[in-house]
Amino acid sequence: MTSESVILNIKKVGLSDEQFYHLCHTNEDWKLEETAKGELIIMPPVGAISGNRESEFNADVAIWNRKTKLGKVFSSSTIFTLPNGGKRSPDVAWIANERWESLSIEEQEKFPKICPDFVIELRSRTDSLTQLQDKMQEYLHSGLRLGWLIDPQNQQVEIYRLNQPVEIILLPTSLSGEDVLPGFILELPLFND
């Protein structure tokens, strides 16, 4: 197995939502995404350091959500079909209850056609920063309200907000969920990579 993502141009192939769904389930050892530009991204599993960090961030959001009961939290195994056609899987995702409940049970069971309100993307050593930044922009163009691109290699976080320029903050820092995740605070230390 390679440790880097492979990108295939499938624009002329034209995978349907159903075909993409079956492709993902047939190849469970790989994390697959499709960009709005018609690229199939094949990613290997993450290493232990990134997997641990991702799990901790997901736990932090889930604990906050258990207390507030304001929405649903999703792991990196969840693929969302974005309004722009991309099929993306953030490391951590959250959707407000009223938006989630507007979907039918059938829509909720597959790759729901909805953009999360909030996402965290965690850059691992093998991730291209440019590709992750493009992915964050894809979320924004699909209705994302707040997103954090956490970059341990550069000891910084990029904050994405609807209709605002990207803000870059150096680590260590405290991040606020603002009005999207009210009362949520994530403490980010310097990373020892």
Protein backbone atom coordinates (compact mmCIF):
# COMPACT_ATOMS: atom_id res chain seq x y z
CA MET A 1 0.00 0.00 0.00
CA THR A 2 1.13 3.48 -0.81
CA SER A 3 1.13 6.13 1.90
CA GLU A 4 -0.01 8.93 -0.41
CA SER A 5 -3.35 9.70 -2.01
CA VAL A 6 -3.99 8.75 -5.62
CA ILE A 7 -6.13 11.07 -7.74
CA LEU A 8 -7.96 9.78 -10.81
CA ASN A 9 -9.82 11.95 -13.32
CA ILE A 10 -13.28 10.34 -13.64
CA LYS A 11 -15.11 13.34 -15.09
CA LYS A 12 -15.92 11.52 -18.35
CA VAL A 13 -16.78 8.27 -16.52
CA GLY A 14 -19.71 9.89 -14.74
CA LEU A 15 -20.22 7.76 -11.62
CA SER A 16 -23.78 7.98 -10.30
CA ASP A 17 -24.37 8.44 -6.56
CA GLU A 18 -25.38 4.77 -6.37
CA GLN A 19 -22.26 3.59 -8.24
CA PHE A 20 -20.01 5.68 -5.98
CA TYR A 21 -21.78 4.27 -2.91
CA HIS A 22 -21.16 0.68 -4.13
CA LEU A 23 -17.56 1.49 -5.09
CA CYS A 24 -16.90 2.67 -1.52
CA HIS A 25 -18.46 -0.44 0.03
CA THR A 26 -16.59 -2.77 -2.33
CA ASN A 27 -13.25 -1.14 -1.38
CA GLU A 28 -13.60 -0.78 2.40
CA ASP A 29 -9.83 -0.71 3.01
CA TRP A 30 -9.57 2.62 1.19
CA LYS A 31 -11.10 5.97 1.99
CA LEU A 32 -12.63 7.33 -1.21
CA GLU A 33 -13.83 10.83 -2.02
CA GLU A 34 -15.00 12.52 -5.20
CA THR A 35 -14.30 16.20 -5.77
CA ALA A 36 -16.74 18.60 -7.40
CA LYS A 37 -14.28 18.73 -10.33
CA GLY A 38 -14.79 15.02 -11.07
CA GLU A 39 -11.67 13.59 -9.45
CA LEU A 40 -11.70 10.33 -7.51
CA ILE A 41 -9.34 10.57 -4.53
CA ILE A 42 -8.12 7.25 -3.12
CA MET A 43 -6.57 7.64 0.33
CA PRO A 44 -4.83 5.03 2.45
CA PRO A 45 -5.72 4.60 6.13
CA VAL A 46 -4.20 7.20 8.45
CA GLY A 47 -1.30 6.44 10.77
CA ALA A 48 -1.65 6.10 14.52
CA ILE A 49 -0.66 9.68 15.44
CA SER A 50 -3.23 11.24 13.08
CA GLY A 51 -5.82 8.62 14.02
CA ASN A 52 -5.41 9.42 17.70
CA ARG A 53 -5.67 13.17 17.16
CA GLU A 54 -8.72 12.75 14.95
CA SER A 55 -10.37 10.55 17.58
CA GLU A 56 -9.67 13.09 20.33
CA PHE A 57 -11.16 15.95 18.28
CA ASN A 58 -14.23 13.87 17.49
CA ALA A 59 -14.62 13.01 21.19
CA ASP A 60 -14.38 16.69 22.16
CA VAL A 61 -17.19 17.64 19.76
CA ALA A 62 -19.28 14.60 20.76
CA ILE A 63 -18.99 15.41 24.49
CA TRP A 64 -20.05 19.02 23.84
CA ASN A 65 -22.95 17.77 21.70
CA ARG A 66 -24.13 15.30 24.36
CA LYS A 67 -24.48 18.20 26.76
CA THR A 68 -26.16 20.61 24.34
CA LYS A 69 -28.12 18.11 22.19
CA LEU A 70 -27.99 20.66 19.35
CA GLY A 71 -27.06 18.33 16.49
CA LYS A 72 -25.39 15.16 15.24
CA VAL A 73 -21.65 14.40 15.20
CA PHE A 74 -20.07 12.28 12.45
CA SER A 75 -16.74 10.45 12.16
CA SER A 76 -14.35 10.46 9.22
CA SER A 77 -16.04 7.32 7.89
CA THR A 78 -19.10 9.38 6.90
CA ILE A 79 -19.33 10.65 3.33
CA PHE A 80 -21.52 13.66 2.57
CA THR A 81 -22.82 14.36 -0.93
CA LEU A 82 -22.37 18.11 -1.25
CA PRO A 83 -24.67 20.36 -3.29
CA ASN A 84 -21.80 21.00 -5.75
CA GLY A 85 -21.54 17.27 -6.53
CA GLY A 86 -18.51 16.49 -4.38
CA LYS A 87 -18.63 13.48 -2.07
CA ARG A 88 -16.49 14.38 0.90
CA SER A 89 -15.54 12.88 4.23
CA PRO A 90 -14.31 15.36 6.87
CA ASP A 91 -12.31 14.11 9.86
CA VAL A 92 -15.00 15.52 12.19
CA ALA A 93 -18.41 16.83 11.12
CA TRP A 94 -21.43 18.28 12.89
CA ILE A 95 -24.92 19.08 11.57
CA ALA A 96 -27.64 21.00 13.43
CA ASN A 97 -30.67 18.89 14.39
CA GLU A 98 -33.20 20.77 12.28
CA ARG A 99 -31.12 20.33 9.13
CA TRP A 100 -30.41 16.65 9.83
CA GLU A 101 -34.03 15.90 10.62
CA SER A 102 -35.12 17.48 7.31
CA LEU A 103 -33.57 14.46 5.55
CA SER A 104 -35.54 11.26 5.04
CA ILE A 105 -34.37 8.04 6.71
CA GLU A 106 -33.29 6.77 3.27
CA GLU A 107 -31.15 9.89 2.75
CA GLN A 108 -29.61 9.53 6.22
CA GLU A 109 -28.68 5.88 5.64
CA LYS A 110 -26.45 6.37 2.58
CA PHE A 111 -24.24 9.35 1.77
CA PRO A 112 -26.59 12.17 2.81
CA LYS A 113 -27.06 15.07 0.41
CA ILE A 114 -26.12 17.79 2.87
CA CYS A 115 -23.09 19.87 3.78
CA PRO A 116 -22.12 19.82 7.46
CA ASP A 117 -22.49 23.05 9.42
CA PHE A 118 -19.07 22.47 11.01
CA VAL A 119 -16.02 20.41 10.03
CA ILE A 120 -12.51 19.73 11.23
CA GLU A 121 -9.86 18.59 8.78
CA LEU A 122 -6.60 17.40 10.31
CA ARG A 123 -3.55 17.44 8.06
CA SER A 124 -1.40 14.33 8.33
CA ARG A 125 2.21 14.12 7.14
CA THR A 126 1.18 12.68 3.77
CA ASP A 127 -1.64 15.19 3.10
CA SER A 128 -1.17 17.96 0.56
CA LEU A 129 -1.98 21.29 2.21
CA THR A 130 -3.25 22.68 -1.11
CA GLN A 131 -5.65 19.74 -1.57
CA LEU A 132 -7.01 20.21 1.96
CA GLN A 133 -7.43 23.95 1.39
CA ASP A 134 -9.34 23.17 -1.83
CA LYS A 135 -11.50 20.73 0.12
CA MET A 136 -12.28 23.41 2.73
CA GLN A 137 -13.27 25.81 -0.06
CA GLU A 138 -15.52 23.10 -1.50
CA TYR A 139 -17.28 22.87 1.88
CA LEU A 140 -17.65 26.67 2.00
CA HIS A 141 -19.18 26.77 -1.50
CA SER A 142 -21.64 24.10 -0.31
CA GLY A 143 -22.86 26.02 2.76
CA LEU A 144 -20.36 25.23 5.53
CA ARG A 145 -20.75 27.73 8.38
CA LEU A 146 -17.46 27.08 10.26
CA GLY A 147 -14.45 24.90 9.52
CA TRP A 148 -11.03 24.34 11.01
CA LEU A 149 -8.06 23.03 9.04
CA ILE A 150 -5.59 21.96 11.72
CA ASP A 151 -2.03 21.78 10.37
CA PRO A 152 0.47 20.25 12.84
CA GLN A 153 3.33 20.49 10.32
CA ASN A 154 3.07 24.30 10.22
CA GLN A 155 1.82 24.62 13.84
CA GLN A 156 -1.25 26.55 12.74
CA VAL A 157 -4.98 26.36 12.14
CA GLU A 158 -6.89 27.89 9.25
CA ILE A 159 -10.40 29.04 10.16
CA TYR A 160 -13.01 29.01 7.41
CA ARG A 161 -16.23 30.99 7.83
CA LEU A 162 -19.06 31.61 5.39
CA ASN A 163 -18.53 34.84 3.39
CA GLN A 164 -15.30 35.76 5.22
CA PRO A 165 -11.59 35.50 4.38
CA VAL A 166 -9.64 32.58 5.82
CA GLU A 167 -8.06 33.40 9.20
CA ILE A 168 -4.75 31.76 10.14
CA ILE A 169 -3.86 31.38 13.82
CA LEU A 170 -0.58 30.02 15.15
CA LEU A 171 -0.51 27.30 17.80
CA PRO A 172 -0.95 27.00 20.73
CA THR A 173 -4.43 28.50 20.75
CA SER A 174 -8.01 28.10 21.92
CA LEU A 175 -10.66 27.84 19.22
CA SER A 176 -14.26 28.88 19.77
CA GLY A 177 -17.24 27.18 18.15
CA GLU A 178 -18.65 30.71 17.81
CA ASP A 179 -22.39 30.82 17.07
CA VAL A 180 -22.24 27.48 15.21
CA LEU A 181 -21.21 25.39 18.25
CA PRO A 182 -22.11 27.77 21.10
CA GLY A 183 -19.94 27.30 24.17
CA PHE A 184 -17.56 24.83 22.48
CA ILE A 185 -13.86 25.50 23.04
CA LEU A 186 -11.01 23.40 21.62
CA GLU A 187 -7.59 23.80 23.16
CA LEU A 188 -4.82 23.20 20.62
CA PRO A 189 -1.26 22.76 21.90
CA LEU A 190 1.95 22.88 19.92
CA PHE A 191 2.28 19.50 18.20
CA ASN A 192 5.41 17.39 18.64
CA ASP A 193 5.78 16.07 15.09
